[in-house]
């Protein structure tokens, strides 16, 4: 990913106002900086055949507001206000295809573990972002390793809230993989079964059917995951979306792939240097990947697109 200084972006929406990119600042004693007490979303907009559109914006807003609940974060802005702000932000920066990052977090007031009277700050940024795991990854797949770091359990921290502080777990797993020469990691849950990637859900293909860990496996309920399940079922595939997948099953899978708003649909060709299937993008993965990109390029499924 290019640095922000190399991108043609100059505006951020922050607490109800559009500010210059360089001026979107917060105090060093902000509660969320010290305790990870924020929630966020990662959303993509695509330059569809019908014009620029935000993909599954309503579902991302649902998850943003729902993620606030365990932390008593109170976003004072309505869905309509956040939507209008995001559309104007993209328009101001002339962004047709981009990545959007809304974030809500406890701001600056006091620094006890309890947020006390800390305000809830809300910010939205957007910038151009290509393939998260590399352009070649979409066609040729990636090599991953099973991380030594385990995913936290929902009895410890709410796993279905997209919380800023929890991504320390993802960073540790991903950086461990990269230090060992892999592109990305797979994280197991506390039981030792497959949870997900550091920022992706995982699908396994076996005998023409799809399997993906259920919500009880300590995963985030991914919106791209849901999209791919829908696309697969519409094409006649059987999808098992509430299963446990053992570590050993990864090695004997016919195909594996990641899904996510950033990663989109990315094939996995090796796990811990074990070749998956034929060692390239499998036919089921390719079909669903093509269906996904055809969908976001055409923009024809109106309920899934918010046009800018």
Protein backbone atom coordinates (compact mmCIF):
# COMPACT_ATOMS: atom_id res chain seq x y z
CA UNK A 1 0.00 0.00 0.00
CA UNK A 2 1.32 3.43 -0.93
CA UNK A 3 1.79 5.95 1.87
CA UNK A 4 -0.92 8.54 2.33
CA UNK A 5 1.55 11.25 1.30
CA UNK A 6 1.67 9.64 -2.15
CA UNK A 7 -2.11 9.70 -2.60
CA UNK A 8 -4.23 12.48 -4.00
CA UNK A 9 -6.46 12.86 -0.92
CA UNK A 10 -6.89 16.04 1.07
CA UNK A 11 -10.07 15.90 3.17
CA UNK A 12 -11.43 13.99 6.17
CA UNK A 13 -14.83 14.29 7.84
CA UNK A 14 -14.36 14.66 11.59
CA UNK A 15 -17.08 15.24 14.17
CA UNK A 16 -19.46 16.90 11.77
CA UNK A 17 -16.97 18.98 9.80
CA UNK A 18 -14.80 18.55 6.74
CA UNK A 19 -11.19 19.30 7.63
CA UNK A 20 -7.91 19.28 5.76
CA UNK A 21 -6.26 15.86 5.80
CA UNK A 22 -3.25 17.13 7.76
CA UNK A 23 -5.47 18.83 10.35
CA UNK A 24 -7.50 15.73 11.27
CA UNK A 25 -5.77 15.29 14.62
CA UNK A 26 -6.58 14.06 18.10
CA UNK A 27 -4.89 14.50 21.48
CA UNK A 28 -2.14 12.10 22.60
CA UNK A 29 -4.16 11.37 25.74
CA UNK A 30 -7.19 10.22 23.77
CA UNK A 31 -8.76 7.25 25.57
CA UNK A 32 -8.84 5.05 22.44
CA UNK A 33 -5.12 5.53 21.80
CA UNK A 34 -4.31 4.04 25.22
CA UNK A 35 -7.01 1.37 25.54
CA UNK A 36 -8.17 0.51 22.01
CA UNK A 37 -11.69 1.70 22.82
CA UNK A 38 -13.01 2.31 19.33
CA UNK A 39 -14.96 0.56 16.59
CA UNK A 40 -14.58 0.91 12.85
CA UNK A 41 -15.61 -0.33 9.43
CA UNK A 42 -13.78 -1.01 6.18
CA UNK A 43 -15.95 -0.34 3.15
CA UNK A 44 -15.28 -0.22 -0.57
CA UNK A 45 -16.77 1.99 -3.23
CA UNK A 46 -16.60 0.81 -6.82
CA UNK A 47 -16.79 2.69 -10.12
CA UNK A 48 -19.66 0.59 -11.46
CA UNK A 49 -21.26 0.69 -14.89
CA UNK A 50 -23.99 2.80 -13.28
CA UNK A 51 -21.58 5.22 -11.64
CA UNK A 52 -19.60 5.30 -8.37
CA UNK A 53 -21.34 3.36 -5.60
CA UNK A 54 -20.60 2.26 -2.04
CA UNK A 55 -20.92 -1.51 -1.71
CA UNK A 56 -23.24 -2.78 1.03
CA UNK A 57 -23.10 0.50 2.91
CA UNK A 58 -26.27 -0.22 4.91
CA UNK A 59 -24.85 -3.48 6.26
CA UNK A 60 -21.60 -1.77 7.22
CA UNK A 61 -23.54 0.93 9.06
CA UNK A 62 -25.55 -1.77 10.85
CA UNK A 63 -22.36 -3.39 12.06
CA UNK A 64 -20.79 -0.07 13.06
CA UNK A 65 -23.70 0.86 15.31
CA UNK A 66 -23.99 -2.68 16.68
CA UNK A 67 -20.26 -2.77 17.46
CA UNK A 68 -20.76 0.31 19.64
CA UNK A 69 -23.19 -1.44 21.98
CA UNK A 70 -20.80 -3.55 24.10
CA UNK A 71 -18.65 -0.46 24.72
CA UNK A 72 -21.48 2.02 25.40
CA UNK A 73 -20.21 4.21 22.58
CA UNK A 74 -22.89 6.67 21.55
CA UNK A 75 -22.65 7.94 17.98
CA UNK A 76 -24.61 11.18 18.01
CA UNK A 77 -24.90 11.23 14.23
CA UNK A 78 -27.72 9.46 12.43
CA UNK A 79 -27.24 6.95 9.65
CA UNK A 80 -28.41 9.61 7.20
CA UNK A 81 -25.83 12.10 8.47
CA UNK A 82 -22.99 9.57 8.17
CA UNK A 83 -24.20 8.59 4.71
CA UNK A 84 -24.42 12.19 3.50
CA UNK A 85 -20.99 12.94 4.93
CA UNK A 86 -19.46 9.94 3.18
CA UNK A 87 -21.04 10.72 -0.17
CA UNK A 88 -19.86 14.33 0.04
CA UNK A 89 -16.39 13.21 1.11
CA UNK A 90 -16.05 11.04 -1.99
CA UNK A 91 -17.43 13.83 -4.16
CA UNK A 92 -15.05 16.45 -2.71
CA UNK A 93 -12.05 14.22 -3.46
CA UNK A 94 -13.37 12.96 -6.81
CA UNK A 95 -13.08 9.35 -5.65
CA UNK A 96 -14.94 6.84 -7.79
CA UNK A 97 -13.28 3.64 -6.57
CA UNK A 98 -11.84 3.72 -3.07
CA UNK A 99 -11.68 2.37 0.46
CA UNK A 100 -13.74 4.07 3.18
CA UNK A 101 -12.88 4.00 6.89
CA UNK A 102 -15.53 5.18 9.38
CA UNK A 103 -14.34 5.05 12.99
CA UNK A 104 -15.97 5.93 16.33
CA UNK A 105 -13.89 6.04 19.51
CA UNK A 106 -13.64 7.42 23.01
CA UNK A 107 -11.83 10.74 22.75
CA UNK A 108 -10.01 13.13 25.06
CA UNK A 109 -11.23 13.96 28.57
CA UNK A 110 -9.69 11.72 31.24
CA UNK A 111 -7.41 8.69 31.21
CA UNK A 112 -8.78 6.16 33.65
CA UNK A 113 -9.62 2.76 32.23
CA UNK A 114 -13.25 3.79 32.56
CA UNK A 115 -14.02 6.21 29.72
CA UNK A 116 -16.02 8.34 32.13
CA UNK A 117 -17.00 11.56 30.36
CA UNK A 118 -14.82 11.00 27.29
CA UNK A 119 -16.71 12.07 24.17
CA UNK A 120 -17.41 9.73 21.29
CA UNK A 121 -15.45 11.08 18.32
CA UNK A 122 -16.50 10.02 14.82
CA UNK A 123 -14.32 10.28 11.75
CA UNK A 124 -14.64 9.17 8.11
CA UNK A 125 -11.71 8.95 5.70
CA UNK A 126 -11.49 7.63 2.15
CA UNK A 127 -8.59 6.93 -0.18
CA UNK A 128 -7.67 4.89 -3.28
CA UNK A 129 -6.71 1.33 -2.38
CA UNK A 130 -6.05 -1.48 -4.82
CA UNK A 131 -5.91 -5.19 -4.07
CA UNK A 132 -5.17 -5.55 -0.36
CA UNK A 133 -2.91 -8.60 -0.71
CA UNK A 134 -1.44 -7.59 -4.06
CA UNK A 135 -2.76 -7.60 -7.62
CA UNK A 136 -1.07 -10.92 -8.41
CA UNK A 137 -2.76 -12.53 -5.42
CA UNK A 138 -6.20 -12.33 -7.01
CA UNK A 139 -5.11 -14.54 -9.91
CA UNK A 140 -2.27 -16.62 -8.55
CA UNK A 141 -3.23 -16.93 -4.90
CA UNK A 142 -1.12 -16.45 -1.80
CA UNK A 143 0.96 -18.54 0.57
CA UNK A 144 -0.12 -18.42 4.21
CA UNK A 145 0.96 -19.91 7.51
CA UNK A 146 -1.04 -20.96 10.53
CA UNK A 147 -0.11 -18.46 13.20
CA UNK A 148 1.13 -19.37 16.66
CA UNK A 149 -1.16 -16.60 17.96
CA UNK A 150 -4.71 -17.72 18.78
CA UNK A 151 -7.88 -15.71 18.20
CA UNK A 152 -9.49 -14.41 21.39
CA UNK A 153 -12.78 -16.06 22.37
CA UNK A 154 -16.17 -14.36 22.53
CA UNK A 155 -16.27 -15.11 26.26
CA UNK A 156 -13.24 -12.82 26.63
CA UNK A 157 -13.98 -9.98 24.18
CA UNK A 158 -16.97 -9.61 21.82
CA UNK A 159 -15.66 -11.12 18.59
CA UNK A 160 -18.50 -9.87 16.41
CA UNK A 161 -17.77 -6.22 17.24
CA UNK A 162 -15.19 -4.70 14.92
CA UNK A 163 -13.07 -3.16 17.66
CA UNK A 164 -9.86 -1.22 17.13
CA UNK A 165 -7.92 -2.71 20.03
CA UNK A 166 -8.62 -6.29 18.97
CA UNK A 167 -6.59 -5.82 15.80
CA UNK A 168 -3.39 -6.10 17.82
CA UNK A 169 -4.12 -9.83 17.57
CA UNK A 170 -4.37 -9.49 13.78
CA UNK A 171 -1.18 -7.44 13.56
CA UNK A 172 0.79 -10.01 15.55
CA UNK A 173 -0.44 -12.89 13.40
CA UNK A 174 0.13 -11.08 10.12
CA UNK A 175 3.58 -9.83 10.98
CA UNK A 176 4.62 -13.27 12.19
CA UNK A 177 3.59 -14.65 8.81
CA UNK A 178 5.46 -11.98 6.87
CA UNK A 179 8.63 -12.44 8.94
CA UNK A 180 8.51 -16.10 7.93
CA UNK A 181 8.11 -15.38 4.23
CA UNK A 182 4.34 -15.75 3.88
CA UNK A 183 1.85 -13.19 2.58
CA UNK A 184 -0.77 -13.69 5.30
CA UNK A 185 -1.76 -15.80 8.32
CA UNK A 186 -4.57 -18.09 9.36
CA UNK A 187 -5.56 -17.78 13.01
CA UNK A 188 -6.96 -20.65 15.08
CA UNK A 189 -9.46 -20.18 17.90
CA UNK A 190 -8.85 -21.23 21.49
CA UNK A 191 -10.07 -24.77 20.70
CA UNK A 192 -7.46 -25.08 17.97
CA UNK A 193 -9.94 -24.97 15.08
CA UNK A 194 -9.79 -22.50 12.21
CA UNK A 195 -11.17 -19.05 12.94
CA UNK A 196 -10.16 -16.64 10.13
CA UNK A 197 -7.35 -14.55 8.72
CA UNK A 198 -6.08 -11.39 10.42
CA UNK A 199 -8.55 -9.33 8.39
CA UNK A 200 -10.40 -11.94 6.34
CA UNK A 201 -12.91 -14.76 6.59
CA UNK A 202 -11.93 -18.15 5.20
CA UNK A 203 -13.72 -20.59 2.88
CA UNK A 204 -12.80 -24.21 2.22
CA UNK A 205 -13.95 -26.13 -0.86
CA UNK A 206 -14.29 -29.91 -0.72
CA UNK A 207 -16.05 -32.12 -3.29
CA UNK A 208 -17.76 -29.12 -4.83
CA UNK A 209 -19.26 -27.85 -1.56
CA UNK A 210 -18.22 -24.81 0.48
CA UNK A 211 -17.44 -24.68 4.18
CA UNK A 212 -16.79 -21.61 6.32
CA UNK A 213 -16.40 -21.32 10.11
CA UNK A 214 -19.57 -20.33 11.96
CA UNK A 215 -19.98 -17.33 14.22
CA UNK A 216 -19.35 -19.50 17.29
CA UNK A 217 -15.79 -20.09 16.05
CA UNK A 218 -14.71 -16.56 17.17
CA UNK A 219 -14.99 -14.98 13.74
CA UNK A 220 -16.22 -11.59 12.61
CA UNK A 221 -19.50 -11.83 10.69
CA UNK A 222 -18.00 -10.62 7.44
CA UNK A 223 -20.09 -8.73 4.92
CA UNK A 224 -18.08 -10.03 1.97
CA UNK A 225 -18.44 -13.48 3.53
CA UNK A 226 -22.21 -13.04 3.40
CA UNK A 227 -21.99 -11.78 -0.19
CA UNK A 228 -20.03 -14.82 -1.33
CA UNK A 229 -22.40 -17.20 0.47
CA UNK A 230 -25.31 -15.60 -1.40
CA UNK A 231 -23.53 -15.72 -4.76
CA UNK A 232 -22.53 -19.36 -4.22
CA UNK A 233 -26.02 -20.49 -3.26
CA UNK A 234 -27.50 -18.69 -6.26
CA UNK A 235 -25.16 -20.73 -8.45
CA UNK A 236 -26.29 -24.00 -6.95
CA UNK A 237 -23.49 -24.62 -4.48
CA UNK A 238 -24.16 -26.08 -1.07
CA UNK A 239 -22.66 -23.80 1.57
CA UNK A 240 -22.04 -24.97 5.14
CA UNK A 241 -21.70 -21.68 7.01
CA UNK A 242 -21.83 -22.86 10.61
CA UNK A 243 -19.08 -25.45 10.87
CA UNK A 244 -15.85 -26.14 12.70
CA UNK A 245 -12.81 -26.66 10.47
CA UNK A 246 -9.80 -28.42 11.95
CA UNK A 247 -6.28 -27.34 11.17
CA UNK A 248 -5.64 -30.62 9.37
CA UNK A 249 -8.56 -30.06 7.01
CA UNK A 250 -6.75 -27.06 5.55
CA UNK A 251 -4.06 -29.29 4.09
CA UNK A 252 -6.51 -31.67 2.41
CA UNK A 253 -8.87 -29.04 1.01
CA UNK A 254 -9.53 -28.92 -2.72
CA UNK A 255 -9.49 -25.13 -2.56
CA UNK A 256 -9.16 -22.36 0.02
CA UNK A 257 -9.84 -18.66 -0.29
CA UNK A 258 -10.13 -15.53 1.82
CA UNK A 259 -12.93 -12.97 1.67
CA UNK A 260 -13.08 -9.45 3.05
CA UNK A 261 -13.88 -5.87 2.10
CA UNK A 262 -10.17 -5.20 1.67
CA UNK A 263 -9.09 -8.66 0.43
CA UNK A 264 -12.25 -9.13 -1.72
CA UNK A 265 -11.90 -12.78 -2.91
CA UNK A 266 -8.30 -13.99 -2.69
CA UNK A 267 -7.24 -17.60 -3.41
CA UNK A 268 -4.84 -19.46 -1.09
CA UNK A 269 -2.37 -21.72 -2.87
CA UNK A 270 -0.27 -22.95 0.06
CA UNK A 271 -0.68 -23.36 3.82
CA UNK A 272 2.54 -23.89 5.80
CA UNK A 273 4.23 -24.79 2.48
CA UNK A 274 1.65 -27.52 1.80
CA UNK A 275 0.20 -27.10 -1.70
CA UNK A 276 -3.58 -26.72 -1.74
CA UNK A 277 -5.28 -28.58 -4.58
CA UNK A 278 -3.32 -28.01 -7.78
CA UNK A 279 -1.46 -25.07 -6.27
CA UNK A 280 -3.35 -22.39 -8.14
CA UNK A 281 -6.74 -20.67 -8.15
CA UNK A 282 -9.31 -23.47 -8.13
CA UNK A 283 -12.40 -23.55 -10.37
CA UNK A 284 -14.92 -22.85 -7.62
CA UNK A 285 -12.83 -19.97 -6.29
CA UNK A 286 -12.44 -18.58 -9.79
CA UNK A 287 -16.17 -18.78 -10.48
CA UNK A 288 -17.12 -17.03 -7.26
CA UNK A 289 -14.35 -14.46 -7.61
CA UNK A 290 -15.56 -13.66 -11.13
CA UNK A 291 -19.15 -13.45 -9.89
CA UNK A 292 -18.08 -11.03 -7.17
CA UNK A 293 -16.13 -8.73 -9.48
CA UNK A 294 -18.85 -8.89 -12.14
CA UNK A 295 -21.30 -7.82 -9.45
CA UNK A 296 -19.31 -4.83 -8.21
CA UNK A 297 -18.39 -3.73 -11.73
CA UNK A 298 -21.98 -3.87 -13.00
CA UNK A 299 -23.62 -2.46 -9.86
CA UNK A 300 -26.93 -4.00 -10.89
CA UNK A 301 -28.04 -5.35 -7.50
CA UNK A 302 -29.63 -2.15 -6.29
CA UNK A 303 -30.15 -3.23 -2.67
CA UNK A 304 -26.40 -3.69 -2.28
CA UNK A 305 -25.24 -0.37 -3.73
CA UNK A 306 -25.50 3.21 -2.52
CA UNK A 307 -24.77 5.47 -5.45
CA UNK A 308 -22.66 8.56 -4.93
